[in-house]
Amino acid sequence: MKYTIKYNGFDTNIKIGLNDIRKPIGEQQHIDELVNETKQKLINPINDVEVRRFVYNNTNAQSYGYGYNVSQNSINTIKFYFYKNNIYGNTFTNAGFTTDELNQNSIAVKKSFYIMELFDTYDSYTQNKITTNYVTKIIGIDKNPIHKFNPSLNTQFNDLFIPISFLEKNNNTTIIVSYLRFNFYNAKTGKLSVFYNYSKRSLLTSEKLYFKVLLNTSTKTWQFFDTNLFAYEILPTSKYVERANDSVNDLEIKKQNYPDKKAFDYNSNDYIDVE
């Protein structure tokens, strides 16, 4: 099954295979969500619900109470590690980009993006998605996949847009615990990189894919609960990632065909010449 959709004026094909795969940590649901999310929201992002902007809180330690006490300084940097030739590297060259492409901000770089998905739980069978952010400015510190969470820098990583309907359901809760998941679409290779939380690397459940996040409904801020933010790419040869990349095909770059006549005739549903 194949869908054709528009992304930045170009045709994008999304193939959805009909075969089944093993799903030890809820991968199939994750893949289905990614394909559906890309098809429905990325290309023509329309917010049909009211949202509230939550800004990242990068201040010093806070005591939240409510069973959650953040004793460390607020973490404000995340590092993404890509896998290449049996080595993990915190560089975009490991992701397949050249130095020139990064320096010149090439088309492939511009069309690549991170996907940030926020859920109410890490359990793939019971979770509800709260919001999705697309980070289209991928180049980080020293042109590496190192990114700051800092409101003064005005980066796309800083903000989460939380539906009011979700907040109303939790109107008696000051601190809402949620779970953030990261993926990366590489427009050069046409492949999707799926990341896991390195601090949870020993887990065999879906929790391995997530970073715990605290939403403060009083201050309209959010921050990470985890003490380390290292996102490692799941091996590209894993069945999970292979299935994801079977579902998302390469971007086809096609030139727009403009009408060569001057006026549109609603009777013939076509363009016509006029004097």
Foldseek 3Di string as FASTA:
>chain_A
DWDWDAAPRFTFIFDADPDDDDDQALLVLVLVCVLVCCRPDRRPHDDPFAWDKAFADQAQFDQDPPPAGQPGGFDWKAFEWADDPNDTDQFCVSVPDDPVCLVVVHPQLQPKWKKKWKWLDLRSVDIDTFFIFIFRNQQDDVRTRMHTRDVVVVGSVTIDIGGVVVCVVVVVDQKRKMKMAMKIQGLVVQFIWGWFFPVCVVDSYSNRRTWIKIQGPVVSYIGTSDPHRYIYTDPCPDPSRVNSSSRTGHTDGDDDDDDPADAADPVVRGGDHDD
